[in-house]
Protein backbone atom coordinates (compact mmCIF):
# COMPACT_ATOMS: atom_id res chain seq x y z
CA UNK A 1 -14.66 21.04 -9.30
CA UNK A 2 -11.90 20.20 -6.78
CA UNK A 3 -12.98 19.58 -3.17
CA UNK A 4 -12.38 22.63 -0.86
CA UNK A 5 -11.59 20.29 1.98
CA UNK A 6 -8.50 18.64 0.22
CA UNK A 7 -5.15 20.23 -0.18
CA UNK A 8 -3.97 21.01 -3.56
CA UNK A 9 -2.09 18.36 -4.89
CA UNK A 10 1.16 20.77 -5.35
CA UNK A 11 0.99 21.16 -1.37
CA UNK A 12 0.77 17.54 -0.49
CA UNK A 13 3.56 15.33 1.14
CA UNK A 14 5.58 13.34 -0.97
CA UNK A 15 4.14 10.16 -2.67
CA UNK A 16 6.26 7.04 -3.02
CA UNK A 17 4.71 4.34 -5.35
CA UNK A 18 5.77 0.96 -4.42
CA UNK A 19 4.61 -1.70 -7.24
CA UNK A 20 4.90 -5.40 -6.90
CA UNK A 21 6.23 -8.53 -9.04
CA UNK A 22 6.74 -7.11 -12.45
CA UNK A 23 5.93 -3.61 -11.65
CA UNK A 24 2.95 -1.88 -12.67
CA UNK A 25 2.07 -0.96 -16.29
CA UNK A 26 0.78 2.13 -18.07
CA UNK A 27 -2.88 1.05 -17.27
CA UNK A 28 -2.30 0.46 -13.69
CA UNK A 29 -4.06 2.47 -11.06
CA UNK A 30 -0.86 3.22 -9.43
CA UNK A 31 0.67 4.28 -12.79
CA UNK A 32 -2.42 6.71 -13.08
CA UNK A 33 -2.14 8.01 -9.40
CA UNK A 34 1.62 8.80 -9.94
CA UNK A 35 0.67 10.83 -13.13
CA UNK A 36 -2.11 12.60 -10.82
CA UNK A 37 0.13 13.83 -8.06
CA UNK A 38 2.90 15.97 -8.90
CA UNK A 39 4.88 14.99 -5.65
CA UNK A 40 4.64 11.24 -6.66
CA UNK A 41 7.45 9.20 -7.91
CA UNK A 42 7.98 5.45 -8.30
CA UNK A 43 10.39 3.47 -6.41
CA UNK A 44 12.14 2.03 -9.40
CA UNK A 45 13.59 -1.64 -8.66
CA UNK A 46 16.40 -3.02 -10.19
CA UNK A 47 14.74 -6.33 -11.35
CA UNK A 48 10.92 -6.53 -11.38
CA UNK A 49 10.80 -10.26 -12.21
CA UNK A 50 13.27 -11.61 -9.90
CA UNK A 51 12.69 -9.75 -6.43
CA UNK A 52 15.32 -9.95 -3.75
CA UNK A 53 14.01 -8.95 -0.28
CA UNK A 54 17.05 -7.27 0.84
CA UNK A 55 17.57 -5.36 -2.25
CA UNK A 56 14.06 -4.25 -2.52
CA UNK A 57 14.03 -3.09 1.01
CA UNK A 58 17.11 -1.08 0.60
CA UNK A 59 15.98 0.73 -2.56
CA UNK A 60 12.98 1.40 -0.72
CA UNK A 61 14.84 3.02 2.46
CA UNK A 62 17.07 4.80 -0.09
CA UNK A 63 13.99 6.35 -1.76
CA UNK A 64 12.45 7.39 1.73
CA UNK A 65 15.59 9.15 3.04
CA UNK A 66 15.77 11.21 -0.25
CA UNK A 67 12.46 12.64 0.60
CA UNK A 68 12.42 16.36 1.61
CA UNK A 69 9.63 15.42 4.09
CA UNK A 70 7.96 11.95 5.26
CA UNK A 71 6.30 10.51 2.27
CA UNK A 72 2.99 8.42 2.14
CA UNK A 73 3.48 5.07 0.61
CA UNK A 74 1.25 3.57 -2.01
CA UNK A 75 1.91 0.06 -2.05
CA UNK A 76 0.54 -2.80 -4.17
CA UNK A 77 1.04 -6.68 -3.85
CA UNK A 78 4.56 -7.49 -3.19
CA UNK A 79 4.96 -3.70 -2.68
CA UNK A 80 3.14 -4.10 0.88
CA UNK A 81 5.28 -6.83 1.85
CA UNK A 82 8.43 -4.62 1.15
CA UNK A 83 7.10 -1.70 3.20
CA UNK A 84 6.24 -4.06 6.10
CA UNK A 85 9.57 -5.62 6.04
CA UNK A 86 11.04 -2.08 6.02
CA UNK A 87 9.14 -0.68 8.71
CA UNK A 88 9.79 -3.75 11.06
CA UNK A 89 13.03 -2.06 12.23
CA UNK A 90 12.37 1.69 11.91
CA UNK A 91 11.54 4.26 14.19
CA UNK A 92 8.16 6.49 13.74
CA UNK A 93 8.48 9.73 11.71
CA UNK A 94 10.10 8.60 8.60
CA UNK A 95 6.75 7.78 6.70
CA UNK A 96 3.45 9.82 6.99
CA UNK A 97 1.05 6.90 6.17
CA UNK A 98 0.56 4.05 3.86
CA UNK A 99 -1.97 2.89 1.42
CA UNK A 100 -1.54 -1.05 1.14
CA UNK A 101 -3.43 -2.53 -1.39
CA UNK A 102 -4.01 -6.41 -2.17
CA UNK A 103 -0.89 -7.47 -0.31
CA UNK A 104 0.75 -10.70 -1.54
CA UNK A 105 0.74 -13.71 0.88
CA UNK A 106 4.31 -14.54 0.33
CA UNK A 107 4.08 -17.31 2.84
CA UNK A 108 1.32 -19.30 1.16
CA UNK A 109 2.83 -22.92 0.01
CA UNK A 110 0.99 -22.62 -3.21
CA UNK A 111 2.02 -18.99 -3.83
CA UNK A 112 4.00 -17.74 -6.68
CA UNK A 113 7.84 -19.08 -6.13
CA UNK A 114 9.63 -15.69 -7.30
CA UNK A 115 8.04 -13.91 -4.22
CA UNK A 116 8.91 -16.55 -1.42
CA UNK A 117 11.86 -15.25 -0.37
CA UNK A 118 10.14 -12.20 1.00
CA UNK A 119 8.88 -14.55 3.74
CA UNK A 120 8.37 -14.22 6.72
CA UNK A 121 5.71 -11.28 6.71
CA UNK A 122 6.53 -8.88 9.87
CA UNK A 123 3.45 -9.33 12.15
CA UNK A 124 3.90 -5.98 14.40
CA UNK A 125 2.27 -2.70 14.19
CA UNK A 126 3.59 -0.34 11.66
CA UNK A 127 4.95 2.77 12.84
CA UNK A 128 2.71 5.13 10.73
CA UNK A 129 -0.99 5.26 9.80
CA UNK A 130 -2.01 2.84 7.42
CA UNK A 131 -5.10 1.69 5.46
CA UNK A 132 -5.07 -2.11 4.03
CA UNK A 133 -7.44 -2.67 0.93
CA UNK A 134 -8.73 -6.26 0.57
CA UNK A 135 -10.38 -7.84 -2.31
CA UNK A 136 -12.92 -10.83 -1.54
CA UNK A 137 -11.60 -13.01 -4.58
CA UNK A 138 -7.93 -12.21 -4.48
CA UNK A 139 -5.86 -15.03 -5.91
CA UNK A 140 -2.81 -14.22 -3.65
CA UNK A 141 -4.52 -13.15 -0.42
CA UNK A 142 -7.57 -14.69 1.31
CA UNK A 143 -9.91 -12.48 3.04
CA UNK A 144 -9.21 -13.87 6.47
CA UNK A 145 -5.37 -13.38 6.08
CA UNK A 146 -6.03 -9.75 5.13
CA UNK A 147 -7.85 -9.05 8.15
CA UNK A 148 -5.00 -10.91 10.07
CA UNK A 149 -2.30 -8.80 8.39
CA UNK A 150 -4.50 -5.63 9.14
CA UNK A 151 -4.61 -6.39 12.87
CA UNK A 152 -1.30 -7.05 13.21
CA UNK A 153 -0.09 -3.96 11.38
CA UNK A 154 -2.60 -1.79 12.88
CA UNK A 155 -4.39 -1.03 9.54
CA UNK A 156 -7.71 -0.02 9.08
CA UNK A 157 -9.29 -2.67 6.88
CA UNK A 158 -11.22 -1.54 3.98
CA UNK A 159 -13.35 -3.99 1.55
CA UNK A 160 -12.76 -3.34 -2.19
CA UNK A 161 -15.55 -6.13 -2.96
CA UNK A 162 -14.99 -8.70 -5.66
CA UNK A 163 -11.85 -6.88 -7.08
CA UNK A 164 -9.45 -9.56 -8.20
CA UNK A 165 -5.70 -8.69 -7.25
CA UNK A 166 -6.63 -5.01 -7.82
CA UNK A 167 -4.72 -4.38 -10.75
CA UNK A 168 -5.08 -3.40 -14.20
CA UNK A 169 -6.12 -7.17 -15.25
CA UNK A 170 -9.14 -6.84 -12.90
CA UNK A 171 -10.15 -3.45 -14.30
CA UNK A 172 -8.40 -1.26 -11.95
CA UNK A 173 -7.10 1.49 -14.12
CA UNK A 174 -8.96 4.57 -13.11
CA UNK A 175 -9.84 4.00 -9.54
CA UNK A 176 -11.46 6.89 -7.61
CA UNK A 177 -11.94 4.82 -4.61
CA UNK A 178 -8.08 4.68 -4.42
CA UNK A 179 -7.45 8.21 -4.92
CA UNK A 180 -9.94 9.10 -2.21
CA UNK A 181 -8.04 6.91 0.30
CA UNK A 182 -4.78 8.54 -0.77
CA UNK A 183 -6.27 12.12 -0.30
CA UNK A 184 -7.32 10.87 3.23
CA UNK A 185 -4.08 9.98 4.25
CA UNK A 186 -2.38 13.12 2.88
CA UNK A 187 -5.02 15.45 4.63
CA UNK A 188 -3.47 17.33 7.49
CA UNK A 189 -3.72 15.43 10.66
CA UNK A 190 -4.95 12.45 8.88
CA UNK A 191 -4.69 9.59 11.46
CA UNK A 192 -6.53 6.32 9.95
CA UNK A 193 -4.39 4.20 12.50
CA UNK A 194 -6.91 5.31 15.32
CA UNK A 195 -9.77 3.96 13.80
CA UNK A 196 -8.22 0.53 13.57
CA UNK A 197 -5.99 0.14 16.81
CA UNK A 198 -7.67 -3.17 17.62
CA UNK A 199 -9.27 -5.51 15.08
CA UNK A 200 -12.27 -5.17 16.83
CA UNK A 201 -12.91 -1.79 15.20
CA UNK A 202 -12.07 -2.58 11.50
CA UNK A 203 -14.16 -1.08 8.87
CA UNK A 204 -16.11 -4.63 8.61
CA UNK A 205 -18.21 -4.08 5.50
CA UNK A 206 -17.27 -0.84 4.26
CA UNK A 207 -16.94 -0.73 0.47
CA UNK A 208 -14.78 1.55 -1.71
CA UNK A 209 -16.13 2.58 -5.23
CA UNK A 210 -14.28 1.02 -8.15
């Protein structure tokens, strides 16, 4: 039975899904969330295997400006960095909020070569509320680095536990915890940024269900 405190999915803001390198396949939690929300659509990049920073950001900008109202971004991996780069020079009000799951550290010297062109990662507050979900054993982002990004972006930091890269390969197809966080951002008056305006008030130790 639907939670009476949550708005019906037909009444929520637009949701833009931002996959990372190689996109998100049919078993990925992003794809499942996209199917669950009538207002959700994917930001389709021209080339998922050879990403280019300026092109990906421009594609995201067009998608945001094409929404009838400010959307909520649901980003994973390189999609998180794309959102941060887009936000660096944008004014508040264009985006309602963002769920940033397992950002890729594109500045790592041992990182994936295809995504190094997205460096440097902007280290300034995002102009919208955001939640950053981190995994304790993500091969592309250390916990310390995830906390650093959350502090810089003004995001609430949420611990997903040992969840790998929080993708289909790690078992994240159906993901009730991710949907709950998205619904939180979609609630009227939601402002998760207020809970993490400073790094000292992150949700340390808070875990979300698999």
